[in-house]
Amino acid sequence: MTLRIVIADDHAMFRSGLRAVLDAQPDMTCVADVGDGYSAVEATRTHNPDLVVLDVRMPKLDGLATARELVASAPRSLKIVLLTTFDADDYVREALDSGVNGFILKSLPPEELVTAIRVAARGDTYIDPSITRRLAPRLADALVPTTPTRKPAPGIDRLTAREHEVFLLMAAGYTNTEICDQLYVGTQTVKTHVSRVLAKLGLRDRVHAVRFAHHHGLVEPHDTSGL
């Protein structure tokens, strides 16, 4: 199945470059690229894409407002990813509140951006790892409305000692590269550990790993030591 994508970004050069990256993927095709939010809404109605990539700052209708409009009017199956050079805390919180599936910085390498889009297309939530790290405590506060429980965390006893280390670093918002540096292991090894941790704990993504850790009191709510 080919993922049909609409891109909305007011920078024509970036937009064309992103389209080239996505069209080069065997499972993706860009059905439209536009330069403002109103055009994004119209393109979504016309082409019925599976996913829309929105720049946060656009003329006429910005990305956040466009996302809210699409969430309200487009099919529930539509996935939305916000893409920006600005990672201000207010943007992240508003993006999460609007119900989007991803919040990605434009500085993310192309291959990771493609991965993020695939994650969002599955219906999971992808937040740029650098943002997750910085906002881990506040993301946890936003995602966990109740006070942490001290009941045993389901599945935590299934983790190996190394997987437990990786999980705690994930919960603190560390990227894969930073986990490599902390544990002195290779990138592929870390990716394998991350996948196993998520599978064993039944978690969809890193955001839910933060939520799980804070909800079960496995990390201190505002512990940023080492960050």
C-alpha atoms as a PDB file:
ATOM      1  CA  MET A   1       0.000   0.000   0.000  1.00  0.00           C
ATOM      2  CA  THR A   2       1.344   3.431  -0.987  1.00  0.00           C
ATOM      3  CA  LEU A   3       1.115   6.255   1.539  1.00  0.00           C
ATOM      4  CA  ARG A   4      -0.423   9.331  -0.123  1.00  0.00           C
ATOM      5  CA  ILE A   5       0.978  12.597   1.270  1.00  0.00           C
ATOM      6  CA  VAL A   6       0.248  16.319   0.986  1.00  0.00           C
ATOM      7  CA  ILE A   7       3.044  18.762   1.868  1.00  0.00           C
ATOM      8  CA  ALA A   8       2.353  22.349   2.961  1.00  0.00           C
ATOM      9  CA  ASP A   9       5.333  24.680   3.413  1.00  0.00           C
ATOM     10  CA  ASP A  10       5.821  28.272   2.269  1.00  0.00           C
ATOM     11  CA  HIS A  11       9.502  27.708   1.423  1.00  0.00           C
ATOM     12  CA  ALA A  12       9.400  26.388  -2.150  1.00  0.00           C
ATOM     13  CA  MET A  13      12.944  25.001  -2.103  1.00  0.00           C
ATOM     14  CA  PHE A  14      12.427  23.055   1.117  1.00  0.00           C
ATOM     15  CA  ARG A  15       9.046  21.853  -0.120  1.00  0.00           C
ATOM     16  CA  SER A  16      10.465  20.530  -3.382  1.00  0.00           C
ATOM     17  CA  GLY A  17      13.361  18.870  -1.562  1.00  0.00           C
ATOM     18  CA  LEU A  18      11.024  17.140   0.875  1.00  0.00           C
ATOM     19  CA  ARG A  19       8.821  16.012  -1.987  1.00  0.00           C
ATOM     20  CA  ALA A  20      11.828  14.493  -3.735  1.00  0.00           C
ATOM     21  CA  VAL A  21      12.805  12.603  -0.556  1.00  0.00           C
ATOM     22  CA  LEU A  22       9.292  11.221  -0.043  1.00  0.00           C
ATOM     23  CA  ASP A  23       8.694  10.348  -3.698  1.00  0.00           C
ATOM     24  CA  ALA A  24      11.948   8.376  -3.648  1.00  0.00           C
ATOM     25  CA  GLN A  25      10.461   5.999  -1.055  1.00  0.00           C
ATOM     26  CA  PRO A  26       8.859   2.855  -2.496  1.00  0.00           C
ATOM     27  CA  ASP A  27       5.849   3.144  -0.206  1.00  0.00           C
ATOM     28  CA  MET A  28       5.206   6.899  -0.437  1.00  0.00           C
ATOM     29  CA  THR A  29       3.927   9.353  -3.025  1.00  0.00           C
ATOM     30  CA  CYS A  30       3.328  13.089  -2.731  1.00  0.00           C
ATOM     31  CA  VAL A  31      -0.043  13.900  -4.315  1.00  0.00           C
ATOM     32  CA  ALA A  32       0.245  17.669  -3.793  1.00  0.00           C
ATOM     33  CA  ASP A  33       2.577  20.326  -2.388  1.00  0.00           C
ATOM     34  CA  VAL A  34       1.272  23.783  -1.483  1.00  0.00           C
ATOM     35  CA  GLY A  35       2.513  26.964   0.165  1.00  0.00           C
ATOM     36  CA  ASP A  36      -0.108  27.905   2.769  1.00  0.00           C
ATOM     37  CA  GLY A  37      -2.629  26.486   5.184  1.00  0.00           C
ATOM     38  CA  TYR A  38      -5.777  27.258   3.197  1.00  0.00           C
ATOM     39  CA  SER A  39      -4.300  25.501   0.175  1.00  0.00           C
ATOM     40  CA  ALA A  40      -3.439  22.535   2.412  1.00  0.00           C
ATOM     41  CA  VAL A  41      -7.069  22.212   3.493  1.00  0.00           C
ATOM     42  CA  GLU A  42      -8.228  22.437  -0.127  1.00  0.00           C
ATOM     43  CA  ALA A  43      -5.616  19.912  -1.302  1.00  0.00           C
ATOM     44  CA  THR A  44      -6.706  17.520   1.434  1.00  0.00           C
ATOM     45  CA  ARG A  45     -10.316  17.758   0.297  1.00  0.00           C
ATOM     46  CA  THR A  46      -9.330  17.272  -3.339  1.00  0.00           C
ATOM     47  CA  HIS A  47      -6.773  14.469  -3.054  1.00  0.00           C
ATOM     48  CA  ASN A  48      -7.922  12.625   0.104  1.00  0.00           C
ATOM     49  CA  PRO A  49      -4.374  11.854   1.317  1.00  0.00           C
ATOM     50  CA  ASP A  50      -3.417   9.499   4.123  1.00  0.00           C
ATOM     51  CA  LEU A  51      -1.088  12.019   5.752  1.00  0.00           C
ATOM     52  CA  VAL A  52      -0.441  15.762   5.648  1.00  0.00           C
ATOM     53  CA  VAL A  53       2.887  17.406   6.514  1.00  0.00           C
ATOM     54  CA  LEU A  54       2.397  21.003   7.708  1.00  0.00           C
ATOM     55  CA  ASP A  55       4.959  23.716   8.342  1.00  0.00           C
ATOM     56  CA  VAL A  56       4.096  25.485  11.601  1.00  0.00           C
ATOM     57  CA  ARG A  57       4.681  28.983  10.199  1.00  0.00           C
ATOM     58  CA  MET A  58       2.781  29.605   6.961  1.00  0.00           C
ATOM     59  CA  PRO A  59       0.909  32.594   5.508  1.00  0.00           C
ATOM     60  CA  LYS A  60      -2.891  32.917   5.539  1.00  0.00           C
ATOM     61  CA  LEU A  61      -3.364  29.981   7.932  1.00  0.00           C
ATOM     62  CA  ASP A  62      -0.498  28.656  10.051  1.00  0.00           C
ATOM     63  CA  GLY A  63       0.240  24.989  10.600  1.00  0.00           C
ATOM     64  CA  LEU A  64      -1.353  24.729  14.036  1.00  0.00           C
ATOM     65  CA  ALA A  65      -4.584  26.351  12.850  1.00  0.00           C
ATOM     66  CA  THR A  66      -4.552  24.184   9.724  1.00  0.00           C
ATOM     67  CA  ALA A  67      -4.091  21.073  11.859  1.00  0.00           C
ATOM     68  CA  ARG A  68      -7.091  22.014  13.999  1.00  0.00           C
ATOM     69  CA  GLU A  69      -9.180  22.577  10.874  1.00  0.00           C
ATOM     70  CA  LEU A  70      -8.193  19.214   9.429  1.00  0.00           C
ATOM     71  CA  VAL A  71      -8.819  17.375  12.691  1.00  0.00           C
ATOM     72  CA  ALA A  72     -12.299  18.914  12.792  1.00  0.00           C
ATOM     73  CA  SER A  73     -13.249  18.418   9.136  1.00  0.00           C
ATOM     74  CA  ALA A  74     -11.134  15.663   7.559  1.00  0.00           C
ATOM     75  CA  PRO A  75     -11.659  11.896   7.933  1.00  0.00           C
ATOM     76  CA  ARG A  76     -10.523  10.492  11.273  1.00  0.00           C
ATOM     77  CA  SER A  77      -8.063   8.273   9.430  1.00  0.00           C
ATOM     78  CA  LEU A  78      -6.025  11.295   8.275  1.00  0.00           C
ATOM     79  CA  LYS A  79      -2.640  11.595   9.990  1.00  0.00           C
ATOM     80  CA  ILE A  80      -0.983  14.989  10.522  1.00  0.00           C
ATOM     81  CA  VAL A  81       2.690  15.812  11.057  1.00  0.00           C
ATOM     82  CA  LEU A  82       3.914  19.297  11.976  1.00  0.00           C
ATOM     83  CA  LEU A  83       7.324  20.304  10.670  1.00  0.00           C
ATOM     84  CA  THR A  84       9.179  23.363  11.911  1.00  0.00           C
ATOM     85  CA  THR A  85      12.474  25.097  12.614  1.00  0.00           C
ATOM     86  CA  PHE A  86      11.001  26.400  15.885  1.00  0.00           C
ATOM     87  CA  ASP A  87      10.745  24.086  18.894  1.00  0.00           C
ATOM     88  CA  ALA A  88       9.245  26.552  21.373  1.00  0.00           C
ATOM     89  CA  ASP A  89       7.484  24.819  24.263  1.00  0.00           C
ATOM     90  CA  ASP A  90       4.147  26.465  23.448  1.00  0.00           C
ATOM     91  CA  TYR A  91       4.247  25.033  19.927  1.00  0.00           C
ATOM     92  CA  VAL A  92       4.820  21.524  21.235  1.00  0.00           C
ATOM     93  CA  ARG A  93       2.040  21.713  23.823  1.00  0.00           C
ATOM     94  CA  GLU A  94      -0.417  23.203  21.330  1.00  0.00           C
ATOM     95  CA  ALA A  95       0.537  20.593  18.745  1.00  0.00           C
ATOM     96  CA  LEU A  96      -0.145  17.760  21.200  1.00  0.00           C
ATOM     97  CA  ASP A  97      -3.424  19.358  22.233  1.00  0.00           C
ATOM     98  CA  SER A  98      -4.525  19.664  18.595  1.00  0.00           C
ATOM     99  CA  GLY A  99      -4.274  15.915  18.104  1.00  0.00           C
ATOM    100  CA  VAL A 100      -1.456  15.700  15.533  1.00  0.00           C
ATOM    101  CA  ASN A 101       0.595  12.539  15.103  1.00  0.00           C
ATOM    102  CA  GLY A 102       4.027  14.114  14.865  1.00  0.00           C
ATOM    103  CA  PHE A 103       6.083  17.208  15.698  1.00  0.00           C
ATOM    104  CA  ILE A 104       9.389  17.221  13.828  1.00  0.00           C
ATOM    105  CA  LEU A 105      12.234  19.704  13.476  1.00  0.00           C
ATOM    106  CA  LYS A 106      13.427  20.473   9.953  1.00  0.00           C
ATOM    107  CA  SER A 107      16.976  19.731  11.110  1.00  0.00           C
ATOM    108  CA  LEU A 108      16.093  16.031  11.411  1.00  0.00           C
ATOM    109  CA  PRO A 109      18.125  13.971   8.880  1.00  0.00           C
ATOM    110  CA  PRO A 110      16.060  12.869   5.841  1.00  0.00           C
ATOM    111  CA  GLU A 111      16.125   9.177   6.755  1.00  0.00           C
ATOM    112  CA  GLU A 112      14.865   9.917  10.273  1.00  0.00           C
ATOM    113  CA  LEU A 113      12.194  12.232   8.900  1.00  0.00           C
ATOM    114  CA  VAL A 114      10.963   9.396   6.680  1.00  0.00           C
ATOM    115  CA  THR A 115      10.927   7.104   9.721  1.00  0.00           C
ATOM    116  CA  ALA A 116       8.936   9.705  11.664  1.00  0.00           C
ATOM    117  CA  ILE A 117       6.362   9.897   8.878  1.00  0.00           C
ATOM    118  CA  ARG A 118       6.009   6.127   8.844  1.00  0.00           C
ATOM    119  CA  VAL A 119       5.501   6.119  12.621  1.00  0.00           C
ATOM    120  CA  ALA A 120       2.807   8.802  12.317  1.00  0.00           C
ATOM    121  CA  ALA A 121       1.161   6.933   9.442  1.00  0.00           C
ATOM    122  CA  ARG A 122       0.689   3.939  11.752  1.00  0.00           C
ATOM    123  CA  GLY A 123      -1.292   6.173  14.082  1.00  0.00           C
ATOM    124  CA  ASP A 124       1.469   6.454  16.675  1.00  0.00           C
ATOM    125  CA  THR A 125       2.907   9.723  17.966  1.00  0.00           C
ATOM    126  CA  TYR A 126       6.383  10.860  16.945  1.00  0.00           C
ATOM    127  CA  ILE A 127       8.037  13.820  18.637  1.00  0.00           C
ATOM    128  CA  ASP A 128      11.531  14.896  17.617  1.00  0.00           C
ATOM    129  CA  PRO A 129      13.932  13.191  20.088  1.00  0.00           C
ATOM    130  CA  SER A 130      15.657  16.472  20.970  1.00  0.00           C
ATOM    131  CA  ILE A 131      12.292  17.929  22.009  1.00  0.00           C
ATOM    132  CA  THR A 132      11.342  14.808  23.964  1.00  0.00           C
ATOM    133  CA  ARG A 133      14.555  15.052  25.952  1.00  0.00           C
ATOM    134  CA  ARG A 134      14.158  18.714  26.835  1.00  0.00           C
ATOM    135  CA  LEU A 135      10.490  18.475  27.683  1.00  0.00           C
ATOM    136  CA  ALA A 136      10.374  14.974  29.157  1.00  0.00           C
ATOM    137  CA  PRO A 137       9.098  16.061  32.598  1.00  0.00           C
ATOM    138  CA  ARG A 138       6.501  18.414  31.123  1.00  0.00           C
ATOM    139  CA  LEU A 139       5.437  15.916  28.497  1.00  0.00           C
ATOM    140  CA  ALA A 140       4.876  13.441  31.285  1.00  0.00           C
ATOM    141  CA  ASP A 141       2.796  15.992  33.185  1.00  0.00           C
ATOM    142  CA  ALA A 142       0.705  16.575  30.063  1.00  0.00           C
ATOM    143  CA  LEU A 143       0.239  12.886  29.299  1.00  0.00           C
ATOM    144  CA  VAL A 144      -0.311  11.608  32.835  1.00  0.00           C
ATOM    145  CA  PRO A 145      -3.281  13.369  34.445  1.00  0.00           C
ATOM    146  CA  THR A 146      -3.154  11.362  37.659  1.00  0.00           C
ATOM    147  CA  THR A 147      -0.479  11.131  40.331  1.00  0.00           C
ATOM    148  CA  PRO A 148       2.159   8.438  39.749  1.00  0.00           C
ATOM    149  CA  THR A 149       1.280   4.977  40.960  1.00  0.00           C
ATOM    150  CA  ARG A 150       3.751   2.806  42.835  1.00  0.00           C
ATOM    151  CA  LYS A 151       2.111  -0.405  41.665  1.00  0.00           C
ATOM    152  CA  PRO A 152       4.474  -2.753  39.811  1.00  0.00           C
ATOM    153  CA  ALA A 153       4.945  -1.641  36.209  1.00  0.00           C
ATOM    154  CA  PRO A 154       3.564  -4.389  33.942  1.00  0.00           C
ATOM    155  CA  GLY A 155       6.291  -6.012  31.889  1.00  0.00           C
ATOM    156  CA  ILE A 156       9.190  -4.228  33.571  1.00  0.00           C
ATOM    157  CA  ASP A 157      10.462  -7.518  35.008  1.00  0.00           C
ATOM    158  CA  ARG A 158      10.775  -8.877  31.455  1.00  0.00           C
ATOM    159  CA  LEU A 159      13.529  -6.380  30.624  1.00  0.00           C
ATOM    160  CA  THR A 160      17.143  -7.439  30.792  1.00  0.00           C
ATOM    161  CA  ALA A 161      19.514  -5.272  32.834  1.00  0.00           C
ATOM    162  CA  ARG A 162      20.732  -3.524  29.682  1.00  0.00           C
ATOM    163  CA  GLU A 163      17.206  -3.013  28.365  1.00  0.00           C
ATOM    164  CA  HIS A 164      16.255  -1.470  31.694  1.00  0.00           C
ATOM    165  CA  GLU A 165      19.136   0.987  31.368  1.00  0.00           C
ATOM    166  CA  VAL A 166      18.029   1.884  27.852  1.00  0.00           C
ATOM    167  CA  PHE A 167      14.432   2.296  28.995  1.00  0.00           C
ATOM    168  CA  LEU A 168      15.370   4.754  31.762  1.00  0.00           C
ATOM    169  CA  LEU A 169      17.454   6.791  29.325  1.00  0.00           C
ATOM    170  CA  MET A 170      14.554   6.811  26.861  1.00  0.00           C
ATOM    171  CA  ALA A 171      12.244   7.973  29.646  1.00  0.00           C
ATOM    172  CA  ALA A 172      14.655  10.829  30.372  1.00  0.00           C
ATOM    173  CA  GLY A 173      14.460  11.884  26.717  1.00  0.00           C
ATOM    174  CA  TYR A 174      17.858  10.710  25.493  1.00  0.00           C
ATOM    175  CA  THR A 175      18.231  10.186  21.732  1.00  0.00           C
ATOM    176  CA  ASN A 176      19.649   6.940  20.331  1.00  0.00           C
ATOM    177  CA  THR A 177      22.987   8.650  19.708  1.00  0.00           C
ATOM    178  CA  GLU A 178      23.142   9.898  23.301  1.00  0.00           C
ATOM    179  CA  ILE A 179      22.260   6.445  24.610  1.00  0.00           C
ATOM    180  CA  CYS A 180      25.150   5.073  22.544  1.00  0.00           C
ATOM    181  CA  ASP A 181      27.475   7.574  24.205  1.00  0.00           C
ATOM    182  CA  GLN A 182      26.165   6.779  27.678  1.00  0.00           C
ATOM    183  CA  LEU A 183      26.392   2.992  27.343  1.00  0.00           C
ATOM    184  CA  TYR A 184      29.343   2.762  24.939  1.00  0.00           C
ATOM    185  CA  VAL A 185      27.483   0.606  22.428  1.00  0.00           C
ATOM    186  CA  GLY A 186      26.738   0.921  18.716  1.00  0.00           C
ATOM    187  CA  THR A 187      23.738   2.560  17.075  1.00  0.00           C
ATOM    188  CA  GLN A 188      22.235  -0.685  15.800  1.00  0.00           C
ATOM    189  CA  THR A 189      22.550  -2.245  19.256  1.00  0.00           C
ATOM    190  CA  VAL A 190      20.643   0.661  20.785  1.00  0.00           C
ATOM    191  CA  LYS A 191      17.938   0.468  18.100  1.00  0.00           C
ATOM    192  CA  THR A 192      17.523  -3.224  18.867  1.00  0.00           C
ATOM    193  CA  HIS A 193      17.250  -2.550  22.611  1.00  0.00           C
ATOM    194  CA  VAL A 194      14.716   0.250  22.049  1.00  0.00           C
ATOM    195  CA  SER A 195      12.547  -1.991  19.854  1.00  0.00           C
ATOM    196  CA  ARG A 196      12.651  -4.795  22.427  1.00  0.00           C
ATOM    197  CA  VAL A 197      11.825  -2.439  25.299  1.00  0.00           C
ATOM    198  CA  LEU A 198       8.789  -1.039  23.474  1.00  0.00           C
ATOM    199  CA  ALA A 199       7.632  -4.526  22.501  1.00  0.00           C
ATOM    200  CA  LYS A 200       8.042  -6.034  25.975  1.00  0.00           C
ATOM    201  CA  LEU A 201       6.269  -3.132  27.672  1.00  0.00           C
ATOM    202  CA  GLY A 202       3.560  -2.888  25.022  1.00  0.00           C
ATOM    203  CA  LEU A 203       4.408   0.739  24.252  1.00  0.00           C
ATOM    204  CA  ARG A 204       3.896   2.419  20.891  1.00  0.00           C
ATOM    205  CA  ASP A 205       6.700   4.976  20.904  1.00  0.00           C
ATOM    206  CA  ARG A 206       9.096   7.086  22.974  1.00  0.00           C
ATOM    207  CA  VAL A 207       6.390   9.498  24.103  1.00  0.00           C
ATOM    208  CA  HIS A 208       4.491   6.612  25.655  1.00  0.00           C
ATOM    209  CA  ALA A 209       7.720   5.361  27.235  1.00  0.00           C
ATOM    210  CA  VAL A 210       7.966   8.725  29.030  1.00  0.00           C
ATOM    211  CA  ARG A 211       4.344   8.427  30.099  1.00  0.00           C
ATOM    212  CA  PHE A 212       4.787   4.841  31.313  1.00  0.00           C
ATOM    213  CA  ALA A 213       7.912   5.656  33.339  1.00  0.00           C
ATOM    214  CA  HIS A 214       6.390   8.666  35.074  1.00  0.00           C
ATOM    215  CA  HIS A 215       3.016   7.023  35.636  1.00  0.00           C
ATOM    216  CA  HIS A 216       4.658   4.111  37.460  1.00  0.00           C
ATOM    217  CA  GLY A 217       7.075   6.276  39.401  1.00  0.00           C
ATOM    218  CA  LEU A 218      10.132   4.782  37.722  1.00  0.00           C
ATOM    219  CA  VAL A 219      11.707   8.239  37.313  1.00  0.00           C
ATOM    220  CA  GLU A 220      11.366  11.352  39.368  1.00  0.00           C
ATOM    221  CA  PRO A 221       8.851  13.793  37.802  1.00  0.00           C
ATOM    222  CA  HIS A 222      11.340  16.625  37.471  1.00  0.00           C
ATOM    223  CA  ASP A 223      14.630  14.779  37.547  1.00  0.00           C
ATOM    224  CA  THR A 224      16.792  16.208  34.794  1.00  0.00           C
ATOM    225  CA  SER A 225      20.115  14.977  36.112  1.00  0.00           C
ATOM    226  CA  GLY A 226      22.442  14.135  33.290  1.00  0.00           C
ATOM    227  CA  LEU A 227      20.366  16.065  30.764  1.00  0.00           C
END
